[in-house]
C-alpha atoms as a PDB file:
ATOM      1  CA  UNK A   1      28.807 -29.772  -4.315  1.00  0.00           C
ATOM      2  CA  UNK A   2      27.731 -26.756  -6.345  1.00  0.00           C
ATOM      3  CA  UNK A   3      24.464 -25.112  -5.265  1.00  0.00           C
ATOM      4  CA  UNK A   4      21.599 -25.111  -7.805  1.00  0.00           C
ATOM      5  CA  UNK A   5      20.992 -21.812  -9.570  1.00  0.00           C
ATOM      6  CA  UNK A   6      17.587 -21.338  -7.935  1.00  0.00           C
ATOM      7  CA  UNK A   7      19.145 -21.693  -4.456  1.00  0.00           C
ATOM      8  CA  UNK A   8      21.815 -19.109  -5.281  1.00  0.00           C
ATOM      9  CA  UNK A   9      19.198 -16.691  -6.624  1.00  0.00           C
ATOM     10  CA  UNK A  10      17.013 -17.147  -3.551  1.00  0.00           C
ATOM     11  CA  UNK A  11      19.944 -16.465  -1.214  1.00  0.00           C
ATOM     12  CA  UNK A  12      20.901 -13.395  -3.256  1.00  0.00           C
ATOM     13  CA  UNK A  13      17.342 -12.072  -3.034  1.00  0.00           C
ATOM     14  CA  UNK A  14      17.307 -12.556   0.747  1.00  0.00           C
ATOM     15  CA  UNK A  15      20.577 -10.641   1.114  1.00  0.00           C
ATOM     16  CA  UNK A  16      19.266  -7.828  -1.068  1.00  0.00           C
ATOM     17  CA  UNK A  17      16.071  -7.608   0.976  1.00  0.00           C
ATOM     18  CA  UNK A  18      18.046  -7.510   4.224  1.00  0.00           C
ATOM     19  CA  UNK A  19      20.152  -4.631   2.896  1.00  0.00           C
ATOM     20  CA  UNK A  20      17.203  -2.631   1.533  1.00  0.00           C
ATOM     21  CA  UNK A  21      16.459   0.730   3.103  1.00  0.00           C
ATOM     22  CA  UNK A  22      13.987   3.518   2.313  1.00  0.00           C
ATOM     23  CA  UNK A  23      14.369   7.274   2.687  1.00  0.00           C
ATOM     24  CA  UNK A  24      11.156   8.896   3.918  1.00  0.00           C
ATOM     25  CA  UNK A  25      10.804  12.659   3.664  1.00  0.00           C
ATOM     26  CA  UNK A  26       8.400  15.421   4.620  1.00  0.00           C
ATOM     27  CA  UNK A  27       7.281  16.438   8.101  1.00  0.00           C
ATOM     28  CA  UNK A  28       4.135  14.306   8.188  1.00  0.00           C
ATOM     29  CA  UNK A  29       5.692  11.093   6.846  1.00  0.00           C
ATOM     30  CA  UNK A  30       8.780  11.417   9.052  1.00  0.00           C
ATOM     31  CA  UNK A  31       6.745  12.229  12.169  1.00  0.00           C
ATOM     32  CA  UNK A  32       4.506   9.177  11.742  1.00  0.00           C
ATOM     33  CA  UNK A  33       7.488   6.895  11.083  1.00  0.00           C
ATOM     34  CA  UNK A  34       9.280   8.225  14.179  1.00  0.00           C
ATOM     35  CA  UNK A  35       6.173   7.482  16.259  1.00  0.00           C
ATOM     36  CA  UNK A  36       5.817   3.948  14.858  1.00  0.00           C
ATOM     37  CA  UNK A  37       7.469   1.449  17.253  1.00  0.00           C
ATOM     38  CA  UNK A  38       7.433  -1.220  14.518  1.00  0.00           C
ATOM     39  CA  UNK A  39       9.532   0.877  12.143  1.00  0.00           C
ATOM     40  CA  UNK A  40      13.312   0.255  12.270  1.00  0.00           C
ATOM     41  CA  UNK A  41      14.935   3.680  12.061  1.00  0.00           C
ATOM     42  CA  UNK A  42      18.514   4.117  10.860  1.00  0.00           C
ATOM     43  CA  UNK A  43      19.341   7.765  10.203  1.00  0.00           C
ATOM     44  CA  UNK A  44      17.487  11.029  10.782  1.00  0.00           C
ATOM     45  CA  UNK A  45      18.490  14.245   8.998  1.00  0.00           C
ATOM     46  CA  UNK A  46      16.751  17.502   9.967  1.00  0.00           C
ATOM     47  CA  UNK A  47      17.094  21.221   9.568  1.00  0.00           C
ATOM     48  CA  UNK A  48      16.853  23.249  12.780  1.00  0.00           C
ATOM     49  CA  UNK A  49      13.357  24.396  11.851  1.00  0.00           C
ATOM     50  CA  UNK A  50      12.173  20.823  11.172  1.00  0.00           C
ATOM     51  CA  UNK A  51      13.828  19.627  14.386  1.00  0.00           C
ATOM     52  CA  UNK A  52      11.804  22.148  16.386  1.00  0.00           C
ATOM     53  CA  UNK A  53       8.573  21.034  14.712  1.00  0.00           C
ATOM     54  CA  UNK A  54       9.328  17.330  15.255  1.00  0.00           C
ATOM     55  CA  UNK A  55      10.794  17.649  18.771  1.00  0.00           C
ATOM     56  CA  UNK A  56       8.138  15.488  20.454  1.00  0.00           C
ATOM     57  CA  UNK A  57       8.363  12.694  17.850  1.00  0.00           C
ATOM     58  CA  UNK A  58      12.184  12.749  17.892  1.00  0.00           C
ATOM     59  CA  UNK A  59      12.217  12.450  21.666  1.00  0.00           C
ATOM     60  CA  UNK A  60       9.763   9.533  21.567  1.00  0.00           C
ATOM     61  CA  UNK A  61      11.781   7.713  18.888  1.00  0.00           C
ATOM     62  CA  UNK A  62      15.086   7.742  20.750  1.00  0.00           C
ATOM     63  CA  UNK A  63      17.072   8.398  17.547  1.00  0.00           C
ATOM     64  CA  UNK A  64      19.644  11.190  17.527  1.00  0.00           C
ATOM     65  CA  UNK A  65      19.071  13.563  14.597  1.00  0.00           C
ATOM     66  CA  UNK A  66      21.751  15.048  12.379  1.00  0.00           C
ATOM     67  CA  UNK A  67      21.089  18.787  12.169  1.00  0.00           C
ATOM     68  CA  UNK A  68      22.015  20.250   8.795  1.00  0.00           C
ATOM     69  CA  UNK A  69      21.990  23.564   6.963  1.00  0.00           C
ATOM     70  CA  UNK A  70      18.896  23.838   4.685  1.00  0.00           C
ATOM     71  CA  UNK A  71      21.216  24.763   1.790  1.00  0.00           C
ATOM     72  CA  UNK A  72      23.245  21.584   2.319  1.00  0.00           C
ATOM     73  CA  UNK A  73      20.426  19.074   2.763  1.00  0.00           C
ATOM     74  CA  UNK A  74      22.329  16.102   1.364  1.00  0.00           C
ATOM     75  CA  UNK A  75      20.341  12.859   1.463  1.00  0.00           C
ATOM     76  CA  UNK A  76      19.708  10.391  -1.401  1.00  0.00           C
ATOM     77  CA  UNK A  77      16.247  11.586  -2.464  1.00  0.00           C
ATOM     78  CA  UNK A  78      15.132  13.159  -5.750  1.00  0.00           C
ATOM     79  CA  UNK A  79      16.130  16.811  -6.014  1.00  0.00           C
ATOM     80  CA  UNK A  80      12.548  17.833  -6.692  1.00  0.00           C
ATOM     81  CA  UNK A  81      11.219  16.154  -3.540  1.00  0.00           C
ATOM     82  CA  UNK A  82       9.487  18.499  -1.096  1.00  0.00           C
ATOM     83  CA  UNK A  83      11.310  17.277   2.009  1.00  0.00           C
ATOM     84  CA  UNK A  84      10.424  20.236   4.330  1.00  0.00           C
ATOM     85  CA  UNK A  85      13.811  19.805   6.005  1.00  0.00           C
ATOM     86  CA  UNK A  86      13.139  16.271   7.257  1.00  0.00           C
ATOM     87  CA  UNK A  87      14.391  12.896   5.994  1.00  0.00           C
ATOM     88  CA  UNK A  88      14.528   9.522   7.718  1.00  0.00           C
ATOM     89  CA  UNK A  89      16.262   6.349   6.537  1.00  0.00           C
ATOM     90  CA  UNK A  90      14.306   3.238   7.570  1.00  0.00           C
ATOM     91  CA  UNK A  91      13.881  -0.455   6.884  1.00  0.00           C
ATOM     92  CA  UNK A  92      10.709  -1.472   5.012  1.00  0.00           C
ATOM     93  CA  UNK A  93       7.873  -2.592   7.285  1.00  0.00           C
ATOM     94  CA  UNK A  94       7.165  -6.298   7.660  1.00  0.00           C
ATOM     95  CA  UNK A  95       3.444  -6.902   8.135  1.00  0.00           C
ATOM     96  CA  UNK A  96       3.653 -10.712   8.121  1.00  0.00           C
ATOM     97  CA  UNK A  97       2.053 -13.266   5.835  1.00  0.00           C
ATOM     98  CA  UNK A  98      -1.161 -13.001   3.841  1.00  0.00           C
ATOM     99  CA  UNK A  99      -2.930 -15.347   6.236  1.00  0.00           C
ATOM    100  CA  UNK A 100      -1.594 -13.517   9.297  1.00  0.00           C
ATOM    101  CA  UNK A 101      -3.093 -10.228   8.133  1.00  0.00           C
ATOM    102  CA  UNK A 102      -6.162 -11.284   6.130  1.00  0.00           C
ATOM    103  CA  UNK A 103      -7.689 -14.163   8.110  1.00  0.00           C
ATOM    104  CA  UNK A 104     -11.310 -12.970   8.378  1.00  0.00           C
ATOM    105  CA  UNK A 105     -11.984 -13.662  12.063  1.00  0.00           C
ATOM    106  CA  UNK A 106     -14.905 -11.586  13.303  1.00  0.00           C
ATOM    107  CA  UNK A 107     -16.847  -9.292  10.978  1.00  0.00           C
ATOM    108  CA  UNK A 108     -16.594  -8.895   7.219  1.00  0.00           C
ATOM    109  CA  UNK A 109     -13.177  -7.437   6.340  1.00  0.00           C
ATOM    110  CA  UNK A 110     -12.453  -5.554   3.126  1.00  0.00           C
ATOM    111  CA  UNK A 111      -9.231  -5.849   1.129  1.00  0.00           C
ATOM    112  CA  UNK A 112      -7.788  -3.967  -1.844  1.00  0.00           C
ATOM    113  CA  UNK A 113      -5.735  -5.945  -4.377  1.00  0.00           C
ATOM    114  CA  UNK A 114      -3.658  -4.061  -6.952  1.00  0.00           C
ATOM    115  CA  UNK A 115      -2.809  -5.640 -10.289  1.00  0.00           C
ATOM    116  CA  UNK A 116       0.373  -3.946 -11.561  1.00  0.00           C
ATOM    117  CA  UNK A 117      -0.351  -0.494 -10.160  1.00  0.00           C
ATOM    118  CA  UNK A 118       3.153   0.982 -10.247  1.00  0.00           C
ATOM    119  CA  UNK A 119       2.695   4.717  -9.605  1.00  0.00           C
ATOM    120  CA  UNK A 120       3.747   5.422  -5.979  1.00  0.00           C
ATOM    121  CA  UNK A 121       1.438   8.437  -5.783  1.00  0.00           C
ATOM    122  CA  UNK A 122      -1.568   6.305  -6.726  1.00  0.00           C
ATOM    123  CA  UNK A 123      -0.630   3.576  -4.241  1.00  0.00           C
ATOM    124  CA  UNK A 124      -0.020   6.145  -1.508  1.00  0.00           C
ATOM    125  CA  UNK A 125      -3.470   7.642  -2.109  1.00  0.00           C
ATOM    126  CA  UNK A 126      -5.028   4.143  -2.083  1.00  0.00           C
ATOM    127  CA  UNK A 127      -3.373   3.381   1.265  1.00  0.00           C
ATOM    128  CA  UNK A 128      -4.821   6.590   2.645  1.00  0.00           C
ATOM    129  CA  UNK A 129      -8.337   5.687   1.433  1.00  0.00           C
ATOM    130  CA  UNK A 130      -7.940   2.116   2.708  1.00  0.00           C
ATOM    131  CA  UNK A 131      -7.177   3.433   6.184  1.00  0.00           C
ATOM    132  CA  UNK A 132     -10.098   5.881   6.131  1.00  0.00           C
ATOM    133  CA  UNK A 133     -12.607   3.225   5.061  1.00  0.00           C
ATOM    134  CA  UNK A 134     -11.243   0.491   7.327  1.00  0.00           C
ATOM    135  CA  UNK A 135      -9.725  -1.952   4.819  1.00  0.00           C
ATOM    136  CA  UNK A 136      -7.800  -4.779   6.410  1.00  0.00           C
ATOM    137  CA  UNK A 137      -4.922  -4.572   3.899  1.00  0.00           C
ATOM    138  CA  UNK A 138      -3.730  -3.383   0.513  1.00  0.00           C
ATOM    139  CA  UNK A 139      -2.062  -6.219  -1.413  1.00  0.00           C
ATOM    140  CA  UNK A 140       0.191  -6.070  -4.489  1.00  0.00           C
ATOM    141  CA  UNK A 141       2.760  -8.329  -6.174  1.00  0.00           C
ATOM    142  CA  UNK A 142       6.462  -7.755  -5.465  1.00  0.00           C
ATOM    143  CA  UNK A 143       7.163  -7.278  -9.150  1.00  0.00           C
ATOM    144  CA  UNK A 144       5.361  -4.641 -11.211  1.00  0.00           C
ATOM    145  CA  UNK A 145       4.016  -2.744  -8.206  1.00  0.00           C
ATOM    146  CA  UNK A 146       5.059   0.346  -6.277  1.00  0.00           C
ATOM    147  CA  UNK A 147       7.533  -0.441  -3.473  1.00  0.00           C
ATOM    148  CA  UNK A 148       7.814   1.610  -0.292  1.00  0.00           C
ATOM    149  CA  UNK A 149       9.367   4.936  -1.299  1.00  0.00           C
ATOM    150  CA  UNK A 150       9.488   8.421   0.096  1.00  0.00           C
ATOM    151  CA  UNK A 151       7.050   9.600  -2.573  1.00  0.00           C
ATOM    152  CA  UNK A 152       4.575   6.844  -1.689  1.00  0.00           C
ATOM    153  CA  UNK A 153       4.856   7.586   2.038  1.00  0.00           C
ATOM    154  CA  UNK A 154       4.372  11.322   1.533  1.00  0.00           C
ATOM    155  CA  UNK A 155       1.239  10.775  -0.575  1.00  0.00           C
ATOM    156  CA  UNK A 156      -0.073   8.271   1.975  1.00  0.00           C
ATOM    157  CA  UNK A 157       0.143  11.051   4.580  1.00  0.00           C
ATOM    158  CA  UNK A 158       1.067   8.686   7.414  1.00  0.00           C
ATOM    159  CA  UNK A 159      -1.128   5.763   6.358  1.00  0.00           C
ATOM    160  CA  UNK A 160       1.929   3.724   5.314  1.00  0.00           C
ATOM    161  CA  UNK A 161       2.832   3.369   9.004  1.00  0.00           C
ATOM    162  CA  UNK A 162      -0.607   2.069  10.004  1.00  0.00           C
ATOM    163  CA  UNK A 163      -2.253   0.494   6.957  1.00  0.00           C
ATOM    164  CA  UNK A 164      -0.912  -2.992   6.066  1.00  0.00           C
ATOM    165  CA  UNK A 165       0.675  -2.965   2.594  1.00  0.00           C
ATOM    166  CA  UNK A 166       1.507  -6.564   1.678  1.00  0.00           C
ATOM    167  CA  UNK A 167       3.679  -7.235  -1.339  1.00  0.00           C
ATOM    168  CA  UNK A 168       3.287 -10.889  -2.217  1.00  0.00           C
ATOM    169  CA  UNK A 169       4.977 -13.153  -4.749  1.00  0.00           C
ATOM    170  CA  UNK A 170       2.027 -13.869  -7.037  1.00  0.00           C
ATOM    171  CA  UNK A 171      -1.318 -12.061  -7.147  1.00  0.00           C
ATOM    172  CA  UNK A 172      -3.226 -14.993  -8.659  1.00  0.00           C
ATOM    173  CA  UNK A 173      -2.016 -17.379  -5.962  1.00  0.00           C
ATOM    174  CA  UNK A 174      -2.987 -14.837  -3.306  1.00  0.00           C
ATOM    175  CA  UNK A 175      -6.491 -14.599  -4.791  1.00  0.00           C
ATOM    176  CA  UNK A 176      -6.847 -18.387  -4.626  1.00  0.00           C
ATOM    177  CA  UNK A 177      -5.735 -18.372  -0.990  1.00  0.00           C
ATOM    178  CA  UNK A 178      -8.173 -15.580  -0.137  1.00  0.00           C
ATOM    179  CA  UNK A 179     -11.010 -17.537  -1.737  1.00  0.00           C
ATOM    180  CA  UNK A 180     -10.159 -20.469   0.555  1.00  0.00           C
ATOM    181  CA  UNK A 181     -10.436 -18.052   3.494  1.00  0.00           C
ATOM    182  CA  UNK A 182     -13.981 -17.219   2.391  1.00  0.00           C
ATOM    183  CA  UNK A 183     -13.466 -13.960   0.518  1.00  0.00           C
ATOM    184  CA  UNK A 184     -15.689 -12.904  -2.370  1.00  0.00           C
ATOM    185  CA  UNK A 185     -13.423 -11.334  -5.009  1.00  0.00           C
ATOM    186  CA  UNK A 186     -14.731  -8.483  -7.167  1.00  0.00           C
ATOM    187  CA  UNK A 187     -12.671  -7.053 -10.023  1.00  0.00           C
ATOM    188  CA  UNK A 188     -13.329  -3.494 -11.181  1.00  0.00           C
ATOM    189  CA  UNK A 189     -13.687  -3.173 -14.953  1.00  0.00           C
ATOM    190  CA  UNK A 190     -15.298  -0.347 -16.901  1.00  0.00           C
ATOM    191  CA  UNK A 191     -16.976  -2.737 -19.353  1.00  0.00           C
ATOM    192  CA  UNK A 192     -18.590  -4.867 -16.631  1.00  0.00           C
ATOM    193  CA  UNK A 193     -22.384  -5.074 -16.610  1.00  0.00           C
ATOM    194  CA  UNK A 194     -22.873  -5.497 -12.851  1.00  0.00           C
ATOM    195  CA  UNK A 195     -22.762  -2.346 -10.729  1.00  0.00           C
ATOM    196  CA  UNK A 196     -20.646  -2.517  -7.587  1.00  0.00           C
ATOM    197  CA  UNK A 197     -23.570  -1.755  -5.250  1.00  0.00           C
ATOM    198  CA  UNK A 198     -25.472  -4.775  -6.600  1.00  0.00           C
ATOM    199  CA  UNK A 199     -22.537  -7.144  -6.153  1.00  0.00           C
ATOM    200  CA  UNK A 200     -21.807  -5.850  -2.658  1.00  0.00           C
ATOM    201  CA  UNK A 201     -25.449  -6.312  -1.642  1.00  0.00           C
ATOM    202  CA  UNK A 202     -25.326  -9.904  -2.868  1.00  0.00           C
ATOM    203  CA  UNK A 203     -22.092 -10.518  -0.935  1.00  0.00           C
ATOM    204  CA  UNK A 204     -23.951  -9.242   2.126  1.00  0.00           C
ATOM    205  CA  UNK A 205     -21.739  -9.517   5.213  1.00  0.00           C
ATOM    206  CA  UNK A 206     -19.073 -11.840   3.729  1.00  0.00           C
ATOM    207  CA  UNK A 207     -15.364 -10.930   3.531  1.00  0.00           C
ATOM    208  CA  UNK A 208     -14.748  -8.963   0.346  1.00  0.00           C
ATOM    209  CA  UNK A 209     -11.670  -8.286  -1.801  1.00  0.00           C
ATOM    210  CA  UNK A 210     -11.685  -5.522  -4.441  1.00  0.00           C
ATOM    211  CA  UNK A 211      -9.216  -5.898  -7.317  1.00  0.00           C
ATOM    212  CA  UNK A 212      -8.074  -2.881  -9.339  1.00  0.00           C
ATOM    213  CA  UNK A 213      -5.799  -2.866 -12.360  1.00  0.00           C
ATOM    214  CA  UNK A 214      -3.344  -0.352 -13.737  1.00  0.00           C
ATOM    215  CA  UNK A 215      -4.718   2.593 -15.667  1.00  0.00           C
ATOM    216  CA  UNK A 216      -4.841   1.744 -19.343  1.00  0.00           C
ATOM    217  CA  UNK A 217      -4.272  -2.031 -19.323  1.00  0.00           C
ATOM    218  CA  UNK A 218      -6.709  -2.693 -16.467  1.00  0.00           C
ATOM    219  CA  UNK A 219      -6.919  -6.192 -15.041  1.00  0.00           C
ATOM    220  CA  UNK A 220      -4.847  -8.933 -16.629  1.00  0.00           C
ATOM    221  CA  UNK A 221      -6.627 -11.953 -18.097  1.00  0.00           C
ATOM    222  CA  UNK A 222      -5.745 -14.382 -15.302  1.00  0.00           C
ATOM    223  CA  UNK A 223      -6.745 -11.816 -12.691  1.00  0.00           C
ATOM    224  CA  UNK A 224     -10.136 -11.412 -14.363  1.00  0.00           C
ATOM    225  CA  UNK A 225     -10.629 -15.181 -14.527  1.00  0.00           C
ATOM    226  CA  UNK A 226      -9.971 -15.533 -10.794  1.00  0.00           C
ATOM    227  CA  UNK A 227     -12.551 -12.902  -9.801  1.00  0.00           C
ATOM    228  CA  UNK A 228     -15.982 -14.077  -8.673  1.00  0.00           C
ATOM    229  CA  UNK A 229     -17.500 -11.194 -10.630  1.00  0.00           C
ATOM    230  CA  UNK A 230     -16.477  -8.092 -12.570  1.00  0.00           C
ATOM    231  CA  UNK A 231     -18.157  -4.893 -11.441  1.00  0.00           C
ATOM    232  CA  UNK A 232     -18.269  -1.258 -12.481  1.00  0.00           C
ATOM    233  CA  UNK A 233     -18.720   2.091 -10.824  1.00  0.00           C
ATOM    234  CA  UNK A 234     -21.775   3.698 -12.465  1.00  0.00           C
ATOM    235  CA  UNK A 235     -21.094   7.027 -14.179  1.00  0.00           C
ATOM    236  CA  UNK A 236     -23.560   9.834 -14.835  1.00  0.00           C
ATOM    237  CA  UNK A 237     -22.151  10.358 -18.334  1.00  0.00           C
ATOM    238  CA  UNK A 238     -20.876   8.097 -21.113  1.00  0.00           C
ATOM    239  CA  UNK A 239     -17.456   9.718 -21.146  1.00  0.00           C
ATOM    240  CA  UNK A 240     -14.624  10.296 -18.701  1.00  0.00           C
ATOM    241  CA  UNK A 241     -13.131   7.949 -16.142  1.00  0.00           C
ATOM    242  CA  UNK A 242     -11.643   7.853 -12.650  1.00  0.00           C
ATOM    243  CA  UNK A 243      -7.984   7.261 -12.010  1.00  0.00           C
ATOM    244  CA  UNK A 244      -7.178   4.116 -10.026  1.00  0.00           C
ATOM    245  CA  UNK A 245      -6.790   5.838  -6.647  1.00  0.00           C
ATOM    246  CA  UNK A 246     -10.140   7.627  -7.004  1.00  0.00           C
ATOM    247  CA  UNK A 247     -11.788   4.406  -8.160  1.00  0.00           C
ATOM    248  CA  UNK A 248     -10.401   2.625  -5.095  1.00  0.00           C
ATOM    249  CA  UNK A 249     -11.852   5.283  -2.779  1.00  0.00           C
ATOM    250  CA  UNK A 250     -15.307   5.096  -4.393  1.00  0.00           C
ATOM    251  CA  UNK A 251     -15.267   1.286  -4.392  1.00  0.00           C
ATOM    252  CA  UNK A 252     -14.218   1.139  -0.733  1.00  0.00           C
ATOM    253  CA  UNK A 253     -16.980   3.543   0.235  1.00  0.00           C
ATOM    254  CA  UNK A 254     -19.551   1.524  -1.744  1.00  0.00           C
ATOM    255  CA  UNK A 255     -18.405  -1.760  -0.223  1.00  0.00           C
ATOM    256  CA  UNK A 256     -18.294  -0.864   3.465  1.00  0.00           C
ATOM    257  CA  UNK A 257     -19.436  -3.740   5.619  1.00  0.00           C
ATOM    258  CA  UNK A 258     -22.873  -3.365   7.203  1.00  0.00           C
ATOM    259  CA  UNK A 259     -22.865  -1.898  10.709  1.00  0.00           C
ATOM    260  CA  UNK A 260     -23.895  -4.097  13.614  1.00  0.00           C
END
């Protein structure tokens, strides 16, 4: 009996995911990945200088590095990448399901949801801010979002190894599930009338999810409809704007849960 098309496509997607690898580069990103016991490491390429700088992390990881001439640093990364003589091939991290990571439990967790934010540098910066301000996870759809890449990891400055980055099938469905878990969902929109501080004060100590859209298009219509409220970051002037990573940092700071 011939398999249905959807079954074949699902099996093909699973095989592709199993075969997927990522090349991380740069001393900081490679060091943090080497020190992460949850990261599956496949191949480590270093110059002698980088090997000396990463000696402790290499020893802790148990992986044998390939030492190469700086002039012959041949790994599949963009030629313009600032690799600092260090590159590591890894499997993408698996953080588990949405419920596994985002179940509120004790306290009032904060989440960041990204609606079609595709620039890896922006997502890397958001992961870094999310770690600094104690967000429970950064969540984005599999399609039309930035996957794990070396550029994302380098911008995240190590946060990719520690800050959950969940890429889910459908953002709207995830928002509905989060609402069932008790989250208040606030979407950031420049034209909103409610300021973020006001909405956060009203949410008090409840779990909170902040939703940010891509620069230019902003939040999609369905995403807006699924938010409990649309909020804005107040500006001192009537012109100018923040890019999405800066907006995420300001929103996370403004929405920190009250201290016990």
